[in-house]
């Protein structure tokens, strides 16, 4: 049975924080600016910009002037996000006075300081005045961060400990992550303890999803696990609010520049060793300097931090002659989006698979669900078998994840052929068989969430179920039974309270 795992994405984490936490976070201009850049859709940013220098609150109805009738759902979603992040304050509905909207005071003041460069808050770091080692440049920091992060990914992938041709040869690219990082991966259920693997741990469904994420999403997943662990362990002496604020500050720093460690409070200096283990920070020996890596400076931007596994297939196949297979130094920032869309996997109707890659990490990922047979320079071959798919399913990897992975990395020749003939990219026989192999062991899929029932009236049921569908949290509903099931309840709870006040 597949059980829905808890999401550790940044939006979900922030939405669970109380208003008092946001008031503390928004005292730092770097935090307000980072959330404005990363967390808000374009329409929400437009609302913030309109309210930022408004002398008085605006009528909520005025926002309708900027939105077409077809954009009402987008408007409601934008306002829902702004309210969940405690960026705006909306007066309660009343028969005597129209609703008004304004920015939260701390957020407004901090965002103004960030945009204007005003006040002396040191929220964007204090550059070091000490001499800098000339060997520490952007290329050095990229190699360092890539090595650290690949060690973590290798640990997750190689936790399977398979015996296939690719898995053994794709063994650890380094000494592996620190024990504290391994504990985080276990606590976050990205890997789990298993007796049937050489390493004593095995990958989970959440771990496979983690591997296929973009690098930024992977970093935030691990960082939020770190925040959760600190909040449950007061002995560490780190507050999750200050930790999160520090992460937003790191995202605003300049790549390749040295910053003064002594300018940080003691609490934040205590956070540096963990960030070094993650590859977000580099600290030279016997210095009072720290350097943010690309993993840190791209936390709140749309740029990719380091090449993801999705982009890596194309890059590995196109490595220049002379570069060693899987050479970390050859891996820099992610390539352009046009290149990322290209894949290197060819799969035939007889389940044979060919992958044009030399990266040990990417070969190890394939070994999770493929019986690899031979490895050549720049290519591996294998076959999808009943045992290899069922082995992957035993780790928690789903058939849909495998199919999505193969489709996302399909060779451009397969895509061209599919477009020309008007057929699916992957052979339907292969797709159907992968699902059938999963159905041999699984008959049910569960989703964690909340059931709403016993409404006061049909009108209340219809209003709440429609609102849940608009904000994208509705999983299932039955008009006959007047019941519906959602993935999150906080926004629906607030909406229900506002309805009760009007009535």
Protein backbone atom coordinates (compact mmCIF):
# COMPACT_ATOMS: atom_id res chain seq x y z
CA UNK A 1 0.00 0.00 0.00
CA UNK A 2 1.35 3.43 -0.93
CA UNK A 3 1.00 5.92 1.86
CA UNK A 4 1.12 9.65 1.17
CA UNK A 5 4.19 11.14 2.79
CA UNK A 6 4.34 14.52 4.48
CA UNK A 7 5.47 17.32 2.19
CA UNK A 8 8.40 19.42 3.33
CA UNK A 9 8.11 22.04 0.64
CA UNK A 10 8.72 25.61 1.70
CA UNK A 11 5.18 26.84 1.06
CA UNK A 12 3.65 24.12 3.21
CA UNK A 13 6.12 24.80 5.99
CA UNK A 14 5.50 28.55 6.03
CA UNK A 15 1.72 28.19 5.94
CA UNK A 16 1.84 26.24 9.20
CA UNK A 17 3.70 29.00 11.06
CA UNK A 18 1.67 31.24 13.41
CA UNK A 19 1.30 34.97 12.90
CA UNK A 20 3.72 35.81 15.72
CA UNK A 21 6.47 33.91 13.88
CA UNK A 22 5.88 35.91 10.71
CA UNK A 23 6.05 39.17 12.64
CA UNK A 24 9.52 38.16 13.83
CA UNK A 25 10.58 37.00 10.37
CA UNK A 26 9.44 40.22 8.73
CA UNK A 27 11.62 42.32 11.00
CA UNK A 28 14.47 41.44 8.62
CA UNK A 29 14.38 43.18 5.20
CA UNK A 30 16.17 40.24 3.60
CA UNK A 31 13.34 37.91 4.68
CA UNK A 32 10.58 40.15 3.38
CA UNK A 33 12.42 40.61 0.09
CA UNK A 34 13.11 36.87 -0.30
CA UNK A 35 9.49 35.89 0.29
CA UNK A 36 8.33 38.60 -2.09
CA UNK A 37 10.66 37.24 -4.79
CA UNK A 38 10.14 33.50 -4.36
CA UNK A 39 6.83 32.79 -2.69
CA UNK A 40 4.35 35.00 -4.52
CA UNK A 41 2.70 34.54 -7.91
CA UNK A 42 2.74 37.50 -10.29
CA UNK A 43 -0.76 38.72 -9.38
CA UNK A 44 0.07 38.64 -5.66
CA UNK A 45 3.23 40.67 -6.35
CA UNK A 46 1.09 43.20 -8.20
CA UNK A 47 -1.19 43.56 -5.17
CA UNK A 48 1.83 44.02 -2.86
CA UNK A 49 3.34 46.68 -5.12
CA UNK A 50 0.04 48.56 -5.20
CA UNK A 51 -0.26 48.50 -1.40
CA UNK A 52 3.40 49.14 -0.55
CA UNK A 53 3.26 52.93 -0.72
CA UNK A 54 -0.50 53.41 -0.40
CA UNK A 55 -1.17 56.11 2.24
CA UNK A 56 -4.24 54.28 3.55
CA UNK A 57 -5.91 50.86 3.23
CA UNK A 58 -7.58 50.08 -0.08
CA UNK A 59 -11.09 48.77 -0.49
CA UNK A 60 -10.98 45.06 -1.20
CA UNK A 61 -13.45 45.57 -4.03
CA UNK A 62 -10.92 47.81 -5.81
CA UNK A 63 -8.81 44.77 -6.60
CA UNK A 64 -11.57 43.56 -8.92
CA UNK A 65 -10.80 46.49 -11.23
CA UNK A 66 -7.39 44.96 -12.02
CA UNK A 67 -8.74 41.47 -12.69
CA UNK A 68 -10.99 40.25 -15.48
CA UNK A 69 -14.02 38.12 -14.77
CA UNK A 70 -12.11 35.06 -15.96
CA UNK A 71 -9.30 35.84 -13.50
CA UNK A 72 -11.40 35.67 -10.34
CA UNK A 73 -9.94 32.31 -9.36
CA UNK A 74 -6.40 33.68 -9.73
CA UNK A 75 -7.36 36.70 -7.64
CA UNK A 76 -8.75 34.51 -4.86
CA UNK A 77 -5.65 32.30 -4.91
CA UNK A 78 -3.36 35.33 -4.76
CA UNK A 79 -5.24 36.75 -1.78
CA UNK A 80 -5.28 33.33 -0.12
CA UNK A 81 -1.48 33.07 -0.40
CA UNK A 82 -0.98 36.62 0.89
CA UNK A 83 -3.19 35.90 3.88
CA UNK A 84 -1.61 32.53 4.64
CA UNK A 85 1.84 34.19 4.67
CA UNK A 86 0.50 37.03 6.84
CA UNK A 87 1.55 39.62 4.28
CA UNK A 88 -1.82 41.39 4.11
CA UNK A 89 -4.49 42.22 6.63
CA UNK A 90 -8.10 42.17 5.47
CA UNK A 91 -10.79 43.64 7.68
CA UNK A 92 -13.63 41.27 8.62
CA UNK A 93 -16.78 41.45 6.50
CA UNK A 94 -19.46 43.74 7.88
CA UNK A 95 -22.83 45.02 6.72
CA UNK A 96 -21.97 48.56 7.82
CA UNK A 97 -18.48 48.93 6.35
CA UNK A 98 -16.84 47.50 3.21
CA UNK A 99 -13.80 45.26 3.60
CA UNK A 100 -10.36 46.89 3.41
CA UNK A 101 -6.93 45.47 2.66
CA UNK A 102 -3.46 46.65 3.69
CA UNK A 103 0.04 45.25 4.11
CA UNK A 104 1.20 43.98 7.50
CA UNK A 105 3.28 46.71 9.14
CA UNK A 106 6.50 44.71 9.61
CA UNK A 107 6.41 43.34 6.07
CA UNK A 108 5.72 46.76 4.55
CA UNK A 109 8.52 48.50 6.44
CA UNK A 110 11.09 45.76 5.78
CA UNK A 111 10.27 45.48 2.08
CA UNK A 112 10.63 49.26 1.77
CA UNK A 113 14.06 49.12 3.44
CA UNK A 114 15.13 46.28 1.13
CA UNK A 115 14.05 48.08 -2.04
CA UNK A 116 15.35 51.48 -0.99
CA UNK A 117 18.57 50.30 0.69
CA UNK A 118 17.66 52.36 3.73
CA UNK A 119 18.43 51.83 7.45
CA UNK A 120 21.46 50.07 9.00
CA UNK A 121 20.10 46.59 9.66
CA UNK A 122 22.99 44.48 8.21
CA UNK A 123 20.27 42.17 6.97
CA UNK A 124 22.16 41.50 3.75
CA UNK A 125 25.46 40.46 5.36
CA UNK A 126 28.68 42.29 6.26
CA UNK A 127 31.49 41.85 3.69
CA UNK A 128 34.87 40.85 5.11
CA UNK A 129 37.70 43.39 5.03
CA UNK A 130 40.38 40.71 5.41
CA UNK A 131 42.52 39.49 2.47
CA UNK A 132 40.89 36.72 0.43
CA UNK A 133 42.70 33.62 -0.81
CA UNK A 134 42.86 34.08 -4.63
CA UNK A 135 42.21 30.37 -5.19
CA UNK A 136 38.71 30.75 -3.70
CA UNK A 137 36.77 31.87 -6.74
CA UNK A 138 33.34 31.05 -8.13
CA UNK A 139 34.58 27.92 -9.93
CA UNK A 140 36.15 26.65 -6.71
CA UNK A 141 32.92 27.27 -4.77
CA UNK A 142 30.86 25.51 -7.46
CA UNK A 143 33.12 22.44 -7.32
CA UNK A 144 32.99 22.42 -3.53
CA UNK A 145 29.18 22.71 -3.39
CA UNK A 146 28.72 20.12 -6.11
CA UNK A 147 30.96 17.64 -4.32
CA UNK A 148 29.10 18.11 -1.03
CA UNK A 149 25.69 17.77 -2.64
CA UNK A 150 26.60 14.78 -4.80
CA UNK A 151 27.81 12.97 -1.67
CA UNK A 152 24.30 13.40 -0.23
CA UNK A 153 22.60 12.23 -3.44
CA UNK A 154 24.97 9.26 -3.72
CA UNK A 155 24.05 8.21 -0.19
CA UNK A 156 20.33 8.25 -1.03
CA UNK A 157 20.81 6.39 -4.34
CA UNK A 158 23.34 3.85 -3.12
CA UNK A 159 21.27 3.06 -0.05
CA UNK A 160 19.67 0.46 -2.33
CA UNK A 161 22.87 -1.51 -2.56
CA UNK A 162 21.81 -3.35 -5.70
CA UNK A 163 23.98 -5.82 -7.51
CA UNK A 164 23.35 -4.59 -11.05
CA UNK A 165 26.17 -3.68 -13.38
CA UNK A 166 25.65 0.01 -12.99
CA UNK A 167 24.98 0.15 -9.30
CA UNK A 168 28.23 -1.33 -8.18
CA UNK A 169 30.32 0.73 -10.53
CA UNK A 170 28.43 3.84 -9.56
CA UNK A 171 29.44 3.52 -5.97
CA UNK A 172 30.08 6.46 -3.74
CA UNK A 173 31.80 9.36 -5.39
CA UNK A 174 33.24 10.51 -2.07
CA UNK A 175 33.44 9.85 1.62
CA UNK A 176 29.71 10.45 1.98
CA UNK A 177 27.75 12.95 4.04
CA UNK A 178 28.33 13.57 7.74
CA UNK A 179 26.44 11.51 10.31
CA UNK A 180 24.20 14.50 11.12
CA UNK A 181 23.12 14.69 7.47
CA UNK A 182 22.45 10.95 7.34
CA UNK A 183 20.29 11.29 10.45
CA UNK A 184 18.28 14.05 8.75
CA UNK A 185 17.68 11.84 5.72
CA UNK A 186 16.42 9.07 8.00
CA UNK A 187 14.24 11.45 10.03
CA UNK A 188 12.72 12.83 6.84
CA UNK A 189 11.96 9.33 5.55
CA UNK A 190 14.05 9.88 2.42
CA UNK A 191 15.77 6.66 3.39
CA UNK A 192 14.78 4.04 5.93
CA UNK A 193 16.58 1.33 7.83
CA UNK A 194 16.48 -2.01 6.01
CA UNK A 195 18.18 -5.31 6.69
CA UNK A 196 18.27 -6.40 3.05
CA UNK A 197 20.83 -3.80 1.87
CA UNK A 198 24.59 -3.61 2.32
CA UNK A 199 24.40 -0.13 3.83
CA UNK A 200 21.60 -0.99 6.25
CA UNK A 201 19.29 1.66 4.79
CA UNK A 202 17.07 1.80 1.71
CA UNK A 203 15.52 4.50 -0.42
CA UNK A 204 11.82 5.35 0.02
CA UNK A 205 9.19 6.76 -2.32
CA UNK A 206 9.86 10.21 -0.87
CA UNK A 207 13.58 9.65 -1.45
CA UNK A 208 13.05 8.85 -5.13
CA UNK A 209 10.89 11.97 -5.50
CA UNK A 210 13.68 13.90 -3.79
CA UNK A 211 16.25 12.64 -6.32
CA UNK A 212 14.17 13.82 -9.28
CA UNK A 213 13.58 17.33 -7.94
CA UNK A 214 15.46 20.38 -9.13
CA UNK A 215 18.49 21.19 -6.98
CA UNK A 216 16.75 24.16 -5.30
CA UNK A 217 13.83 21.99 -4.24
CA UNK A 218 16.22 19.32 -2.96
CA UNK A 219 18.11 21.89 -0.87
CA UNK A 220 14.93 23.28 0.64
CA UNK A 221 13.69 19.78 1.45
CA UNK A 222 16.83 19.09 3.47
CA UNK A 223 16.89 22.54 5.07
CA UNK A 224 13.29 22.25 6.23
CA UNK A 225 14.08 18.87 7.74
CA UNK A 226 16.93 20.63 9.56
CA UNK A 227 14.52 23.30 10.83
CA UNK A 228 12.08 20.64 12.02
CA UNK A 229 14.84 18.79 13.85
CA UNK A 230 16.03 21.97 15.58
CA UNK A 231 12.50 22.89 16.68
CA UNK A 232 12.19 19.50 18.41
CA UNK A 233 15.62 19.64 20.05
CA UNK A 234 16.04 22.74 22.28
CA UNK A 235 19.49 21.51 23.37
CA UNK A 236 20.89 22.60 20.00
CA UNK A 237 20.40 26.22 21.03
CA UNK A 238 18.98 27.24 17.64
CA UNK A 239 15.56 28.80 17.08
CA UNK A 240 13.79 27.81 13.88
CA UNK A 241 12.68 31.41 13.27
CA UNK A 242 16.25 32.71 13.40
CA UNK A 243 17.46 29.78 11.30
CA UNK A 244 14.90 30.51 8.60
CA UNK A 245 15.72 34.21 8.68
CA UNK A 246 19.43 33.38 8.30
CA UNK A 247 18.70 31.21 5.27
CA UNK A 248 16.83 34.08 3.62
CA UNK A 249 19.79 36.32 4.37
CA UNK A 250 22.22 33.87 2.75
CA UNK A 251 20.06 33.87 -0.36
CA UNK A 252 20.64 37.60 -0.75
CA UNK A 253 24.45 37.43 -0.57
CA UNK A 254 26.83 37.71 -3.51
CA UNK A 255 28.40 34.55 -4.91
CA UNK A 256 32.21 34.59 -4.69
CA UNK A 257 32.39 37.28 -2.01
CA UNK A 258 33.78 36.78 1.50
CA UNK A 259 31.68 37.81 4.50
CA UNK A 260 32.66 38.53 8.07
CA UNK A 261 31.92 35.69 10.48
CA UNK A 262 32.38 37.92 13.53
CA UNK A 263 29.52 40.14 12.36
CA UNK A 264 27.11 37.24 12.92
CA UNK A 265 25.44 36.70 16.31
CA UNK A 266 26.60 33.68 18.29
CA UNK A 267 23.41 31.78 17.46
CA UNK A 268 24.03 32.13 13.73
CA UNK A 269 27.70 31.23 14.04
CA UNK A 270 26.52 27.99 15.62
CA UNK A 271 24.53 27.25 12.46
CA UNK A 272 27.54 27.48 10.16
CA UNK A 273 28.89 23.90 10.70
CA UNK A 274 25.58 22.38 9.57
CA UNK A 275 25.47 24.64 6.53
CA UNK A 276 29.02 23.59 5.70
CA UNK A 277 27.89 19.94 5.80
CA UNK A 278 25.10 20.77 3.32
CA UNK A 279 27.49 22.59 0.98
CA UNK A 280 25.78 25.99 1.36
CA UNK A 281 28.77 27.61 3.06
CA UNK A 282 32.53 27.32 2.63
CA UNK A 283 34.78 28.38 5.52
CA UNK A 284 38.56 28.41 4.97
CA UNK A 285 40.72 27.17 7.81
CA UNK A 286 41.93 29.66 10.41
CA UNK A 287 39.95 32.57 9.01
CA UNK A 288 37.03 34.71 10.14
CA UNK A 289 35.38 34.54 6.73
CA UNK A 290 32.61 32.53 5.16
CA UNK A 291 31.67 32.20 1.49
CA UNK A 292 28.11 31.41 0.37
CA UNK A 293 28.00 28.87 -2.46
CA UNK A 294 25.59 28.77 -5.36
CA UNK A 295 23.36 26.42 -3.35
CA UNK A 296 22.79 29.29 -0.89
CA UNK A 297 22.63 32.30 -3.20
CA UNK A 298 19.96 30.72 -5.41
CA UNK A 299 17.63 29.66 -2.60
CA UNK A 300 15.12 32.40 -3.38
CA UNK A 301 15.70 32.87 -7.09
CA UNK A 302 14.35 31.16 -10.19
CA UNK A 303 17.88 30.19 -11.27
CA UNK A 304 18.96 26.60 -10.81
CA UNK A 305 21.52 26.01 -8.08
CA UNK A 306 23.42 23.07 -9.55
CA UNK A 307 22.60 20.70 -12.34
CA UNK A 308 19.74 18.39 -11.47
CA UNK A 309 19.62 14.73 -12.45
CA UNK A 310 17.13 15.68 -15.14
CA UNK A 311 19.59 18.09 -16.74
CA UNK A 312 22.56 15.89 -16.00
CA UNK A 313 21.73 13.23 -18.58
CA UNK A 314 22.09 15.69 -21.42
CA UNK A 315 25.25 17.22 -20.02
CA UNK A 316 26.89 13.86 -19.35
CA UNK A 317 26.23 12.72 -22.90
CA UNK A 318 27.70 15.95 -24.24
CA UNK A 319 30.82 16.03 -22.03
CA UNK A 320 33.88 17.19 -23.88
CA UNK A 321 36.47 14.54 -24.77
CA UNK A 322 38.99 14.12 -22.00
CA UNK A 323 36.65 14.80 -19.09
CA UNK A 324 36.44 11.93 -16.68
CA UNK A 325 33.09 10.18 -16.27
CA UNK A 326 31.14 11.82 -13.49
CA UNK A 327 33.87 14.44 -13.01
CA UNK A 328 32.51 16.85 -10.44
CA UNK A 329 34.69 19.65 -11.71
CA UNK A 330 33.03 19.47 -15.10
CA UNK A 331 29.61 20.09 -13.59
CA UNK A 332 28.66 23.70 -13.19
CA UNK A 333 25.36 25.56 -13.23
CA UNK A 334 22.43 24.03 -15.01
CA UNK A 335 22.38 24.40 -18.77
CA UNK A 336 19.86 26.41 -20.69
CA UNK A 337 16.26 25.30 -20.63
CA UNK A 338 16.42 24.23 -24.26
CA UNK A 339 19.12 21.70 -23.43
CA UNK A 340 17.41 20.48 -20.26
CA UNK A 341 14.45 19.31 -22.30
CA UNK A 342 16.65 16.85 -24.19
CA UNK A 343 16.98 13.32 -22.86
CA UNK A 344 19.24 10.39 -23.47
CA UNK A 345 17.17 7.29 -22.71
CA UNK A 346 15.92 5.00 -25.47
CA UNK A 347 13.50 2.22 -24.57
CA UNK A 348 12.20 -0.42 -26.96
CA UNK A 349 9.00 -2.43 -27.01
CA UNK A 350 10.95 -5.47 -25.79
CA UNK A 351 11.80 -3.51 -22.60
CA UNK A 352 15.45 -2.99 -23.55
CA UNK A 353 16.85 0.34 -22.34
CA UNK A 354 19.84 2.36 -23.57
CA UNK A 355 21.06 5.46 -21.69
CA UNK A 356 23.74 7.75 -23.08
CA UNK A 357 25.45 8.87 -19.87
CA UNK A 358 28.72 8.39 -18.01
CA UNK A 359 27.63 9.88 -14.68
CA UNK A 360 27.85 7.35 -11.82
CA UNK A 361 24.99 9.13 -10.05
CA UNK A 362 22.64 8.92 -13.03
CA UNK A 363 23.57 5.29 -13.64
CA UNK A 364 22.80 4.52 -10.01
CA UNK A 365 19.36 6.11 -10.38
CA UNK A 366 18.64 3.90 -13.40
CA UNK A 367 19.75 0.89 -11.40
CA UNK A 368 16.93 1.53 -8.96
CA UNK A 369 14.37 0.16 -11.42
CA UNK A 370 16.41 -1.34 -14.28
CA UNK A 371 18.41 -4.54 -14.59
CA UNK A 372 21.62 -3.04 -16.04
CA UNK A 373 23.66 -5.44 -18.15
CA UNK A 374 26.59 -3.67 -19.79
CA UNK A 375 28.44 -0.41 -19.47
CA UNK A 376 30.39 1.29 -22.26
CA UNK A 377 32.13 4.63 -22.58
CA UNK A 378 29.26 7.09 -22.47
CA UNK A 379 26.45 4.51 -22.46
CA UNK A 380 24.83 1.82 -20.34
CA UNK A 381 22.36 -0.83 -21.44
CA UNK A 382 19.80 -2.75 -19.48
CA UNK A 383 16.29 -4.12 -19.41
CA UNK A 384 13.10 -3.42 -17.48
CA UNK A 385 12.10 -6.69 -15.87
CA UNK A 386 9.39 -7.84 -13.53
CA UNK A 387 11.94 -8.29 -10.74
CA UNK A 388 13.60 -4.89 -11.26
CA UNK A 389 10.27 -3.04 -11.21
CA UNK A 390 8.99 -4.98 -8.21
CA UNK A 391 12.28 -4.30 -6.43
CA UNK A 392 11.80 -0.58 -7.03
CA UNK A 393 8.22 -0.80 -5.80
CA UNK A 394 9.45 -2.51 -2.64
CA UNK A 395 11.54 0.60 -1.98
CA UNK A 396 8.38 2.72 -2.23
CA UNK A 397 8.96 3.94 -5.80
CA UNK A 398 5.70 3.99 -7.75
CA UNK A 399 5.01 2.93 -11.33
CA UNK A 400 3.92 6.46 -12.20
CA UNK A 401 7.24 7.84 -10.94
CA UNK A 402 9.17 5.40 -13.12
CA UNK A 403 7.03 6.19 -16.17
CA UNK A 404 7.37 9.94 -15.59
CA UNK A 405 11.12 9.59 -15.23
CA UNK A 406 11.48 7.63 -18.47
CA UNK A 407 9.26 10.10 -20.34
CA UNK A 408 11.13 13.12 -18.98
CA UNK A 409 14.48 11.69 -20.08
CA UNK A 410 13.41 10.16 -23.39
CA UNK A 411 15.88 10.64 -26.22
CA UNK A 412 15.03 13.42 -28.64
CA UNK A 413 14.82 10.90 -31.47
CA UNK A 414 12.01 9.10 -29.62
CA UNK A 415 10.22 12.43 -29.16
CA UNK A 416 10.57 13.35 -32.83
CA UNK A 417 9.24 9.95 -33.92
CA UNK A 418 6.28 10.22 -31.55
CA UNK A 419 5.40 13.69 -32.83
CA UNK A 420 5.68 12.63 -36.46
CA UNK A 421 3.49 9.55 -36.01
CA UNK A 422 1.15 11.06 -33.40
CA UNK A 423 1.93 8.29 -30.90
CA UNK A 424 3.01 8.36 -27.23
CA UNK A 425 6.71 8.90 -26.51
CA UNK A 426 7.00 5.68 -24.51
CA UNK A 427 5.78 2.40 -26.00
CA UNK A 428 2.27 1.75 -24.58
CA UNK A 429 3.12 -1.90 -23.98
CA UNK A 430 5.98 -0.86 -21.69
CA UNK A 431 3.86 1.68 -19.80
CA UNK A 432 1.01 -0.78 -19.29
CA UNK A 433 3.35 -3.55 -18.18
CA UNK A 434 5.08 -1.35 -15.59
CA UNK A 435 1.67 -0.54 -14.09
CA UNK A 436 0.61 -4.18 -14.16
CA UNK A 437 3.76 -5.23 -12.32
CA UNK A 438 2.89 -2.73 -9.61
CA UNK A 439 -0.74 -3.92 -9.42
CA UNK A 440 0.47 -7.41 -8.62
CA UNK A 441 1.33 -6.15 -5.14
CA UNK A 442 -0.83 -3.05 -4.74
CA UNK A 443 -4.56 -2.65 -4.76
CA UNK A 444 -5.04 0.61 -2.90
CA UNK A 445 -3.62 4.15 -2.81
CA UNK A 446 -4.14 6.39 0.21
CA UNK A 447 -3.91 10.15 0.52
CA UNK A 448 -3.50 12.02 3.79
CA UNK A 449 -6.02 14.81 4.31
CA UNK A 450 -9.21 15.98 6.01
CA UNK A 451 -12.88 14.99 5.54
CA UNK A 452 -15.60 17.65 5.77
CA UNK A 453 -19.21 16.56 6.43
CA UNK A 454 -22.37 17.38 8.45
CA UNK A 455 -22.91 20.83 6.99
CA UNK A 456 -25.65 23.13 8.24
CA UNK A 457 -27.12 23.51 4.78
CA UNK A 458 -26.66 22.54 1.14
CA UNK A 459 -25.58 26.10 0.38
CA UNK A 460 -22.76 25.88 2.92
CA UNK A 461 -21.55 22.57 1.44
CA UNK A 462 -21.58 23.96 -2.09
CA UNK A 463 -19.78 27.16 -1.10
CA UNK A 464 -17.01 25.35 0.82
CA UNK A 465 -16.49 22.58 -1.73
CA UNK A 466 -16.33 25.13 -4.56
CA UNK A 467 -13.81 27.20 -2.61
CA UNK A 468 -11.68 24.11 -1.93
CA UNK A 469 -11.70 23.32 -5.66
CA UNK A 470 -10.72 26.91 -6.54
CA UNK A 471 -7.68 26.94 -4.25
CA UNK A 472 -6.56 23.50 -5.44
CA UNK A 473 -6.94 21.48 -2.23
CA UNK A 474 -9.98 19.37 -3.16
CA UNK A 475 -9.22 15.65 -3.55
CA UNK A 476 -12.72 14.12 -3.65
CA UNK A 477 -16.33 15.13 -3.13
CA UNK A 478 -19.80 13.58 -3.14
CA UNK A 479 -22.73 15.89 -3.80
CA UNK A 480 -25.15 13.13 -2.87
CA UNK A 481 -23.62 12.61 0.58
CA UNK A 482 -22.62 16.29 0.96
CA UNK A 483 -19.05 15.36 1.88
CA UNK A 484 -15.66 16.35 0.50
CA UNK A 485 -12.02 15.52 1.19
CA UNK A 486 -9.14 18.04 1.04
CA UNK A 487 -5.36 17.92 1.40
CA UNK A 488 -5.20 21.06 3.58
CA UNK A 489 -7.80 22.67 5.83
CA UNK A 490 -6.32 25.98 7.09
CA UNK A 491 -7.60 28.20 4.27
CA UNK A 492 -11.03 26.52 4.30
CA UNK A 493 -11.23 27.07 8.06
CA UNK A 494 -10.53 30.79 7.63
CA UNK A 495 -13.06 31.01 4.81
CA UNK A 496 -15.71 29.32 6.95
CA UNK A 497 -15.03 31.73 9.83
CA UNK A 498 -15.47 34.72 7.54
CA UNK A 499 -18.81 33.32 6.31
CA UNK A 500 -20.01 32.83 9.87
CA UNK A 501 -19.15 36.43 10.73
CA UNK A 502 -21.20 37.76 7.82
CA UNK A 503 -24.16 35.62 8.79
